Every structure is written in structure tokens, then in C-alpha cells.
């Protein structure tokens, strides 16, 4: 992958700061930055309880030459259950999207996998905010994967 960063460009300065903040967060919870970060694919991954946490920073380039960067956190929660109660399952996911702050439940296009996700523009982010939303996300992903699997067991 070609390195297209300009270290003096404001977007790249902020991007690099947030990369370092995620590294520092990982270290603050006892993880090794070199173990959890995939430098080739530019993402972090680790486990928290039963949840697999994945973090990536997406660069969105616009036709007018501007760019916005978003940090996204993902955790696979479960497969969509093979049940005659799908309407109730989807309703529960929508209710959780309203009840749980800082986490939403999604199904990626053309898949049957439910994911917990969080996303935020990185502009103006600081370490305290970043560490709060990552730790909150870890908690909810670890809690909700077990709860949803218990509530909607896969009946294959």
C-alpha cells in the first residue's frame, strides 16, 4: 500500500495523533501495540471477554479535495439466528440501538452477521474521550454478544 500521508497536512497530523492515542489506549489496558496493530492493513484487533474488538480509521476523500477521517470500532456479535422469530430479533436490535449509548447494531450488506459498531469523526478528539468510548464499547460488546445469543439462540 502506498503511503499517501503528508505529515504536515492538518488531516494527517490529526490522523497520526489518533493512531498514537489508540496505541496508548491498548497499552493502558495491558496490550502490546505491536501485537494488536496490523500495520499492513491499518487496523487494531484484540479480545475483551467474549468479544473481538476491531478498530480502524477510515479516510474519506471528497471530490473537492477535502478529507474527513472517522474512527470505527466493530465487534462481531452473532449470526442472524435461523428462527421463525426474525421480526422480534430485528425489533430487539432496533430497540438496543435506542437504549445503548455509543453503540449500534448493524448487519453488513450481503451477510448474516450482526455487528456492534461505533463511529466518530476524529476531528477534535482527545485521549480521554477516545479511551472512554473504547472502554464503553468493549463493555457493551462483551455484554451484548452473550445476552443476544441467549435471547435468540441459533436454531440451525
N, C-alpha and C. Protein backbone atom coordinates (compact mmCIF):
# COMPACT_ATOMS: atom_id res chain seq x y z
N UNK A 1 0.85 -1.18 0.00
CA UNK A 1 0.00 0.00 0.00
C UNK A 1 0.89 1.24 0.00
N UNK A 2 0.60 2.15 -0.87
CA UNK A 2 1.38 3.38 -0.99
C UNK A 2 1.05 4.33 0.17
N UNK A 3 2.09 4.93 0.74
CA UNK A 3 1.89 5.89 1.82
C UNK A 3 1.56 7.24 1.20
N UNK A 4 0.33 7.68 1.38
CA UNK A 4 -0.11 8.94 0.78
C UNK A 4 -0.22 10.05 1.81
N UNK A 5 0.41 9.85 2.96
CA UNK A 5 0.33 10.86 4.00
C UNK A 5 1.31 12.00 3.76
N UNK A 6 0.86 13.17 4.07
CA UNK A 6 1.69 14.36 4.10
C UNK A 6 1.77 14.75 5.57
N UNK A 7 2.90 14.49 6.24
CA UNK A 7 2.97 14.69 7.69
C UNK A 7 2.63 16.10 8.15
N UNK A 8 2.72 17.09 7.26
CA UNK A 8 2.40 18.45 7.67
C UNK A 8 0.95 18.84 7.35
N UNK A 9 0.25 18.01 6.60
CA UNK A 9 -1.15 18.28 6.28
C UNK A 9 -1.98 18.12 7.55
N UNK A 10 -2.87 19.08 7.86
CA UNK A 10 -3.64 19.01 9.12
C UNK A 10 -4.39 17.70 9.32
N UNK A 11 -4.96 17.15 8.24
CA UNK A 11 -5.70 15.89 8.39
C UNK A 11 -4.76 14.75 8.78
N UNK A 12 -3.55 14.74 8.21
CA UNK A 12 -2.60 13.69 8.55
C UNK A 12 -2.03 13.88 9.94
N UNK A 13 -1.86 15.12 10.38
CA UNK A 13 -1.40 15.38 11.74
C UNK A 13 -2.41 14.80 12.73
N UNK A 14 -3.69 15.10 12.52
CA UNK A 14 -4.73 14.58 13.41
C UNK A 14 -4.82 13.06 13.32
N UNK A 15 -4.75 12.51 12.12
CA UNK A 15 -4.78 11.06 11.92
C UNK A 15 -3.67 10.40 12.73
N UNK A 16 -2.46 10.91 12.60
CA UNK A 16 -1.32 10.33 13.32
C UNK A 16 -1.48 10.44 14.83
N UNK A 17 -2.07 11.54 15.30
CA UNK A 17 -2.33 11.69 16.74
C UNK A 17 -3.30 10.62 17.23
N UNK A 18 -4.34 10.38 16.44
CA UNK A 18 -5.35 9.40 16.86
C UNK A 18 -4.77 7.98 16.79
N UNK A 19 -3.96 7.69 15.80
CA UNK A 19 -3.28 6.39 15.75
C UNK A 19 -2.48 6.18 17.03
N UNK A 20 -1.73 7.19 17.43
CA UNK A 20 -0.93 7.08 18.66
C UNK A 20 -1.83 6.94 19.89
N UNK A 21 -2.96 7.64 19.90
CA UNK A 21 -3.89 7.51 21.03
C UNK A 21 -4.42 6.09 21.15
N UNK A 22 -4.76 5.46 20.02
CA UNK A 22 -5.25 4.08 20.08
C UNK A 22 -4.15 3.16 20.59
N UNK A 23 -2.92 3.36 20.10
CA UNK A 23 -1.78 2.59 20.62
C UNK A 23 -1.67 2.76 22.14
N UNK A 24 -1.75 3.99 22.60
CA UNK A 24 -1.63 4.28 24.04
C UNK A 24 -2.78 3.65 24.82
N UNK A 25 -3.99 3.69 24.27
CA UNK A 25 -5.11 3.03 24.94
C UNK A 25 -4.82 1.54 25.09
N UNK A 26 -4.41 0.91 24.00
CA UNK A 26 -4.12 -0.53 24.05
C UNK A 26 -3.10 -0.83 25.15
N UNK A 27 -2.05 -0.03 25.20
CA UNK A 27 -1.02 -0.24 26.23
C UNK A 27 -1.58 0.02 27.63
N UNK A 28 -2.50 0.97 27.76
CA UNK A 28 -3.05 1.29 29.08
C UNK A 28 -3.90 0.16 29.66
N UNK A 29 -4.37 -0.74 28.80
CA UNK A 29 -5.14 -1.89 29.28
C UNK A 29 -4.33 -3.18 29.21
N UNK A 30 -3.01 -3.03 29.09
CA UNK A 30 -2.12 -4.18 29.17
C UNK A 30 -1.86 -4.92 27.88
N UNK A 31 -2.19 -4.30 26.75
CA UNK A 31 -1.94 -4.93 25.45
C UNK A 31 -0.66 -4.38 24.85
N UNK A 32 -0.04 -5.15 23.98
CA UNK A 32 1.17 -4.71 23.28
C UNK A 32 0.76 -4.10 21.93
N UNK A 33 1.13 -2.86 21.71
CA UNK A 33 0.72 -2.16 20.48
C UNK A 33 1.15 -2.90 19.23
N UNK A 34 2.29 -3.58 19.26
CA UNK A 34 2.79 -4.27 18.07
C UNK A 34 2.04 -5.58 17.82
N UNK A 35 1.46 -6.13 18.86
CA UNK A 35 0.70 -7.37 18.73
C UNK A 35 -0.71 -7.10 18.22
N UNK A 36 -1.34 -6.03 18.69
CA UNK A 36 -2.74 -5.77 18.35
C UNK A 36 -2.92 -4.94 17.08
N UNK A 37 -1.85 -4.32 16.59
CA UNK A 37 -1.95 -3.46 15.40
C UNK A 37 -1.42 -4.18 14.18
N UNK A 38 -2.21 -4.20 13.11
CA UNK A 38 -1.79 -4.75 11.84
C UNK A 38 -1.36 -3.57 10.96
N UNK A 39 -0.05 -3.34 10.88
CA UNK A 39 0.47 -2.17 10.16
C UNK A 39 0.21 -2.26 8.65
N UNK A 40 0.10 -3.46 8.12
CA UNK A 40 -0.15 -3.61 6.69
C UNK A 40 -1.59 -3.25 6.34
N UNK A 41 -2.53 -3.69 7.17
CA UNK A 41 -3.95 -3.44 6.91
C UNK A 41 -4.50 -2.25 7.68
N UNK A 42 -3.68 -1.66 8.54
CA UNK A 42 -4.02 -0.43 9.27
C UNK A 42 -5.23 -0.59 10.19
N UNK A 43 -5.25 -1.64 10.99
CA UNK A 43 -6.31 -1.79 11.98
C UNK A 43 -5.78 -2.49 13.22
N UNK A 44 -6.52 -2.34 14.31
CA UNK A 44 -6.20 -2.97 15.58
C UNK A 44 -7.24 -4.05 15.84
N UNK A 45 -6.84 -5.10 16.54
CA UNK A 45 -7.79 -6.12 16.97
C UNK A 45 -7.31 -6.75 18.26
N UNK A 46 -8.26 -6.96 19.18
CA UNK A 46 -7.99 -7.66 20.44
C UNK A 46 -9.30 -8.20 20.98
N UNK A 47 -9.20 -9.00 22.04
CA UNK A 47 -10.42 -9.52 22.65
C UNK A 47 -10.63 -8.89 24.01
N UNK A 48 -11.89 -8.75 24.35
CA UNK A 48 -12.31 -8.29 25.67
C UNK A 48 -13.42 -9.25 26.09
N UNK A 49 -13.11 -10.14 27.01
CA UNK A 49 -14.07 -11.17 27.37
C UNK A 49 -14.35 -12.04 26.17
N UNK A 50 -15.62 -12.16 25.81
CA UNK A 50 -16.00 -12.97 24.66
C UNK A 50 -16.08 -12.16 23.36
N UNK A 51 -15.79 -10.87 23.42
CA UNK A 51 -15.91 -10.00 22.24
C UNK A 51 -14.56 -9.78 21.57
N UNK A 52 -14.57 -9.80 20.24
CA UNK A 52 -13.39 -9.44 19.45
C UNK A 52 -13.56 -8.00 19.00
N UNK A 53 -12.67 -7.14 19.46
CA UNK A 53 -12.75 -5.70 19.18
C UNK A 53 -11.85 -5.39 17.98
N UNK A 54 -12.37 -4.64 17.02
CA UNK A 54 -11.60 -4.22 15.85
C UNK A 54 -11.76 -2.71 15.69
N UNK A 55 -10.64 -2.04 15.47
CA UNK A 55 -10.66 -0.58 15.30
C UNK A 55 -9.95 -0.22 14.01
N UNK A 56 -10.55 0.69 13.26
CA UNK A 56 -9.96 1.18 12.02
C UNK A 56 -10.26 2.67 11.91
N UNK A 57 -9.38 3.40 11.25
CA UNK A 57 -9.63 4.80 10.95
C UNK A 57 -9.80 4.91 9.44
N UNK A 58 -10.99 5.28 9.01
CA UNK A 58 -11.30 5.42 7.59
C UNK A 58 -11.02 6.85 7.14
N UNK A 59 -10.34 6.97 6.01
CA UNK A 59 -10.11 8.27 5.38
C UNK A 59 -11.10 8.42 4.23
N UNK A 60 -11.94 9.44 4.32
CA UNK A 60 -12.91 9.70 3.26
C UNK A 60 -12.47 10.93 2.48
N UNK A 61 -12.05 10.72 1.25
CA UNK A 61 -11.61 11.81 0.38
C UNK A 61 -12.78 12.25 -0.50
N UNK A 62 -12.97 13.56 -0.57
CA UNK A 62 -14.07 14.12 -1.34
C UNK A 62 -13.56 14.74 -2.63
N UNK A 63 -14.47 14.88 -3.60
CA UNK A 63 -14.10 15.41 -4.91
C UNK A 63 -13.52 16.82 -4.84
N UNK A 64 -13.89 17.59 -3.83
CA UNK A 64 -13.39 18.96 -3.73
C UNK A 64 -12.01 19.03 -3.07
N UNK A 65 -11.39 17.87 -2.84
CA UNK A 65 -10.04 17.83 -2.27
C UNK A 65 -9.98 17.77 -0.75
N UNK A 66 -11.12 17.85 -0.10
CA UNK A 66 -11.13 17.77 1.36
C UNK A 66 -11.20 16.32 1.80
N UNK A 67 -10.95 16.12 3.08
CA UNK A 67 -10.95 14.78 3.64
C UNK A 67 -11.52 14.80 5.05
N UNK A 68 -12.28 13.79 5.39
CA UNK A 68 -12.72 13.57 6.76
C UNK A 68 -12.29 12.17 7.16
N UNK A 69 -11.85 12.04 8.40
CA UNK A 69 -11.41 10.75 8.91
C UNK A 69 -12.34 10.33 10.05
N UNK A 70 -12.72 9.07 10.05
CA UNK A 70 -13.62 8.53 11.07
C UNK A 70 -12.97 7.32 11.73
N UNK A 71 -13.03 7.30 13.06
CA UNK A 71 -12.63 6.10 13.78
C UNK A 71 -13.88 5.22 13.88
N UNK A 72 -13.70 3.95 13.59
CA UNK A 72 -14.81 3.00 13.67
C UNK A 72 -14.36 1.82 14.51
N UNK A 73 -15.23 1.41 15.40
CA UNK A 73 -14.97 0.25 16.24
C UNK A 73 -16.05 -0.78 15.90
N UNK A 74 -15.61 -2.02 15.72
CA UNK A 74 -16.52 -3.10 15.37
C UNK A 74 -16.31 -4.28 16.31
N UNK A 75 -17.35 -5.07 16.49
CA UNK A 75 -17.23 -6.36 17.17
C UNK A 75 -18.30 -7.28 16.59
N UNK A 76 -17.90 -8.44 16.07
CA UNK A 76 -18.92 -9.39 15.63
C UNK A 76 -19.68 -9.90 16.85
N UNK A 77 -21.00 -9.86 16.79
CA UNK A 77 -21.83 -10.23 17.93
C UNK A 77 -22.38 -11.65 17.78
N UNK A 78 -22.96 -11.93 16.63
CA UNK A 78 -23.55 -13.25 16.41
C UNK A 78 -24.02 -13.35 14.97
N UNK A 79 -24.35 -14.56 14.55
CA UNK A 79 -25.03 -14.75 13.27
C UNK A 79 -26.50 -14.42 13.46
N UNK A 80 -27.13 -13.94 12.40
CA UNK A 80 -28.58 -13.77 12.44
C UNK A 80 -29.16 -15.15 12.70
N UNK A 81 -29.99 -15.29 13.72
CA UNK A 81 -30.47 -16.63 14.07
C UNK A 81 -31.43 -17.20 13.04
N UNK A 82 -31.31 -18.50 12.84
CA UNK A 82 -32.25 -19.21 11.98
C UNK A 82 -33.47 -19.53 12.84
N UNK A 83 -34.43 -18.65 12.81
CA UNK A 83 -35.59 -18.76 13.70
C UNK A 83 -36.82 -18.20 13.00
N UNK A 84 -37.98 -18.61 13.47
CA UNK A 84 -39.20 -18.03 12.94
C UNK A 84 -39.54 -16.73 13.67
N UNK A 85 -38.63 -16.25 14.49
CA UNK A 85 -38.82 -15.03 15.28
C UNK A 85 -37.94 -13.87 14.78
N UNK A 86 -37.66 -13.84 13.48
CA UNK A 86 -36.77 -12.81 12.95
C UNK A 86 -37.30 -11.41 13.17
N UNK A 87 -38.60 -11.21 13.04
CA UNK A 87 -39.16 -9.88 13.28
C UNK A 87 -38.85 -9.42 14.70
N UNK A 88 -39.01 -10.29 15.68
CA UNK A 88 -38.68 -9.97 17.06
C UNK A 88 -37.20 -9.70 17.26
N UNK A 89 -36.37 -10.46 16.53
CA UNK A 89 -34.91 -10.26 16.62
C UNK A 89 -34.53 -8.88 16.08
N UNK A 90 -35.02 -8.55 14.89
CA UNK A 90 -34.70 -7.25 14.30
C UNK A 90 -35.26 -6.11 15.15
N UNK A 91 -36.44 -6.30 15.68
CA UNK A 91 -37.02 -5.28 16.57
C UNK A 91 -36.12 -5.08 17.78
N UNK A 92 -35.62 -6.18 18.36
CA UNK A 92 -34.76 -6.06 19.54
C UNK A 92 -33.48 -5.29 19.19
N UNK A 93 -32.90 -5.55 18.02
CA UNK A 93 -31.71 -4.80 17.62
C UNK A 93 -32.01 -3.31 17.52
N UNK A 94 -33.16 -2.96 16.94
CA UNK A 94 -33.52 -1.54 16.85
C UNK A 94 -33.75 -0.93 18.22
N UNK A 95 -34.37 -1.68 19.12
CA UNK A 95 -34.57 -1.17 20.48
C UNK A 95 -33.23 -0.94 21.17
N UNK A 96 -32.30 -1.87 20.98
CA UNK A 96 -30.97 -1.71 21.59
C UNK A 96 -30.25 -0.50 21.02
N UNK A 97 -30.45 -0.22 19.73
CA UNK A 97 -29.85 0.98 19.14
C UNK A 97 -30.33 2.24 19.84
N UNK A 98 -31.55 2.21 20.35
CA UNK A 98 -32.08 3.35 21.09
C UNK A 98 -31.64 3.33 22.55
N UNK A 99 -31.57 2.16 23.16
CA UNK A 99 -31.28 2.05 24.59
C UNK A 99 -29.81 2.24 24.94
N UNK A 100 -28.93 1.73 24.13
CA UNK A 100 -27.50 1.71 24.45
C UNK A 100 -26.81 2.92 23.82
N UNK A 101 -26.16 3.69 24.64
CA UNK A 101 -25.46 4.88 24.15
C UNK A 101 -24.08 4.50 23.66
N UNK A 102 -23.69 5.03 22.49
CA UNK A 102 -22.35 4.82 21.97
C UNK A 102 -22.14 3.51 21.26
N UNK A 103 -23.20 2.77 21.02
CA UNK A 103 -23.07 1.51 20.30
C UNK A 103 -24.32 1.33 19.46
N UNK A 104 -24.15 0.77 18.28
CA UNK A 104 -25.31 0.45 17.45
C UNK A 104 -25.09 -0.94 16.88
N UNK A 105 -26.18 -1.58 16.52
CA UNK A 105 -26.11 -2.92 15.98
C UNK A 105 -26.45 -2.87 14.51
N UNK A 106 -25.62 -3.54 13.71
CA UNK A 106 -25.75 -3.48 12.26
C UNK A 106 -25.61 -4.88 11.67
N UNK A 107 -26.07 -5.02 10.46
CA UNK A 107 -25.83 -6.23 9.68
C UNK A 107 -25.19 -5.74 8.39
N UNK A 108 -23.99 -6.21 8.12
CA UNK A 108 -23.29 -5.77 6.91
C UNK A 108 -24.01 -6.29 5.67
N UNK A 109 -24.01 -5.52 4.59
CA UNK A 109 -24.68 -5.95 3.37
C UNK A 109 -24.20 -7.33 2.92
N UNK A 110 -25.13 -8.13 2.45
CA UNK A 110 -24.85 -9.46 1.90
C UNK A 110 -24.25 -10.43 2.91
N UNK A 111 -24.53 -10.22 4.20
CA UNK A 111 -24.06 -11.15 5.23
C UNK A 111 -25.21 -11.47 6.18
N UNK A 112 -24.97 -12.43 7.02
CA UNK A 112 -25.90 -12.77 8.09
C UNK A 112 -25.22 -12.59 9.44
N UNK A 113 -24.29 -11.66 9.52
CA UNK A 113 -23.52 -11.41 10.74
C UNK A 113 -23.97 -10.09 11.36
N UNK A 114 -24.30 -10.15 12.66
CA UNK A 114 -24.66 -8.95 13.42
C UNK A 114 -23.38 -8.39 14.04
N UNK A 115 -23.19 -7.09 13.90
CA UNK A 115 -22.01 -6.41 14.44
C UNK A 115 -22.45 -5.30 15.40
N UNK A 116 -21.68 -5.11 16.42
CA UNK A 116 -21.78 -3.89 17.22
C UNK A 116 -20.81 -2.90 16.59
N UNK A 117 -21.23 -1.64 16.44
CA UNK A 117 -20.36 -0.64 15.82
C UNK A 117 -20.45 0.69 16.57
N UNK A 118 -19.39 1.45 16.42
CA UNK A 118 -19.31 2.82 16.92
C UNK A 118 -18.50 3.58 15.90
N UNK A 119 -18.85 4.83 15.64
CA UNK A 119 -18.05 5.65 14.72
C UNK A 119 -18.13 7.11 15.13
N UNK A 120 -17.04 7.80 14.85
CA UNK A 120 -16.97 9.22 15.18
C UNK A 120 -15.92 9.87 14.31
N UNK A 121 -16.19 11.08 13.84
CA UNK A 121 -15.18 11.89 13.16
C UNK A 121 -14.05 12.12 14.16
N UNK A 122 -12.80 12.04 13.72
CA UNK A 122 -11.69 12.18 14.66
C UNK A 122 -11.34 13.63 14.96
N UNK A 123 -11.97 14.56 14.26
CA UNK A 123 -11.68 15.97 14.49
C UNK A 123 -12.01 16.34 15.93
N UNK A 124 -11.05 16.92 16.62
CA UNK A 124 -11.25 17.40 17.98
C UNK A 124 -11.21 16.34 19.07
N UNK A 125 -10.93 15.11 18.71
CA UNK A 125 -10.93 14.04 19.70
C UNK A 125 -9.70 14.14 20.60
N UNK A 126 -9.87 13.79 21.86
CA UNK A 126 -8.72 13.73 22.77
C UNK A 126 -8.65 12.34 23.40
N UNK A 127 -7.58 12.08 24.14
CA UNK A 127 -7.37 10.74 24.68
C UNK A 127 -8.45 10.34 25.68
N UNK A 128 -8.91 11.27 26.51
CA UNK A 128 -9.95 10.92 27.48
C UNK A 128 -11.23 10.46 26.79
N UNK A 129 -11.63 11.18 25.75
CA UNK A 129 -12.84 10.78 25.03
C UNK A 129 -12.63 9.43 24.35
N UNK A 130 -11.49 9.28 23.68
CA UNK A 130 -11.20 8.04 22.97
C UNK A 130 -11.20 6.85 23.93
N UNK A 131 -10.52 6.99 25.06
CA UNK A 131 -10.46 5.87 26.00
C UNK A 131 -11.83 5.56 26.59
N UNK A 132 -12.64 6.59 26.80
CA UNK A 132 -13.99 6.36 27.32
C UNK A 132 -14.84 5.60 26.32
N UNK A 133 -14.86 6.03 25.05
CA UNK A 133 -15.74 5.32 24.12
C UNK A 133 -15.23 3.94 23.76
N UNK A 134 -13.91 3.72 23.77
CA UNK A 134 -13.42 2.36 23.52
C UNK A 134 -13.79 1.45 24.68
N UNK A 135 -13.55 1.90 25.91
CA UNK A 135 -13.85 1.03 27.06
C UNK A 135 -15.36 0.80 27.19
N UNK A 136 -16.18 1.82 26.92
CA UNK A 136 -17.63 1.62 26.92
C UNK A 136 -18.03 0.60 25.85
N UNK A 137 -17.45 0.74 24.66
CA UNK A 137 -17.76 -0.19 23.57
C UNK A 137 -17.35 -1.61 23.95
N UNK A 138 -16.16 -1.77 24.52
CA UNK A 138 -15.72 -3.10 24.93
C UNK A 138 -16.73 -3.73 25.89
N UNK A 139 -17.18 -2.94 26.86
CA UNK A 139 -18.14 -3.43 27.84
C UNK A 139 -19.43 -3.89 27.16
N UNK A 140 -20.00 -3.03 26.32
CA UNK A 140 -21.28 -3.37 25.71
C UNK A 140 -21.15 -4.53 24.72
N UNK A 141 -20.08 -4.58 23.95
CA UNK A 141 -19.90 -5.69 23.01
C UNK A 141 -19.78 -7.01 23.76
N UNK A 142 -19.00 -7.01 24.85
CA UNK A 142 -18.82 -8.22 25.64
C UNK A 142 -20.11 -8.63 26.33
N UNK A 143 -20.90 -7.68 26.76
CA UNK A 143 -22.18 -7.98 27.43
C UNK A 143 -23.24 -8.42 26.43
N UNK A 144 -23.38 -7.67 25.35
CA UNK A 144 -24.50 -7.88 24.44
C UNK A 144 -24.33 -9.13 23.58
N UNK A 145 -23.09 -9.56 23.29
CA UNK A 145 -22.97 -10.78 22.50
C UNK A 145 -23.56 -11.96 23.27
N UNK A 146 -23.27 -12.04 24.56
CA UNK A 146 -23.82 -13.13 25.37
C UNK A 146 -25.33 -13.00 25.55
N UNK A 147 -25.81 -11.78 25.81
CA UNK A 147 -27.25 -11.59 26.02
C UNK A 147 -28.06 -11.91 24.77
N UNK A 148 -27.61 -11.42 23.62
CA UNK A 148 -28.37 -11.67 22.39
C UNK A 148 -28.32 -13.14 21.99
N UNK A 149 -27.17 -13.78 22.16
CA UNK A 149 -27.10 -15.21 21.84
C UNK A 149 -28.00 -16.02 22.76
N UNK A 150 -28.11 -15.60 24.02
CA UNK A 150 -29.00 -16.28 24.95
C UNK A 150 -30.47 -16.04 24.63
N UNK A 151 -30.77 -14.82 24.23
CA UNK A 151 -32.16 -14.45 23.94
C UNK A 151 -32.63 -15.02 22.60
N UNK A 152 -31.70 -15.12 21.63
CA UNK A 152 -32.03 -15.59 20.29
C UNK A 152 -31.02 -16.66 19.87
N UNK A 153 -31.13 -17.86 20.43
CA UNK A 153 -30.17 -18.91 20.07
C UNK A 153 -30.32 -19.29 18.60
N UNK A 154 -29.21 -19.63 17.99
CA UNK A 154 -29.24 -20.04 16.59
C UNK A 154 -29.78 -21.46 16.53
N UNK A 155 -30.90 -21.62 15.89
CA UNK A 155 -31.60 -22.90 15.88
C UNK A 155 -31.36 -23.67 14.59
N UNK A 156 -30.14 -23.63 14.08
CA UNK A 156 -29.83 -24.36 12.83
C UNK A 156 -29.99 -25.85 13.03
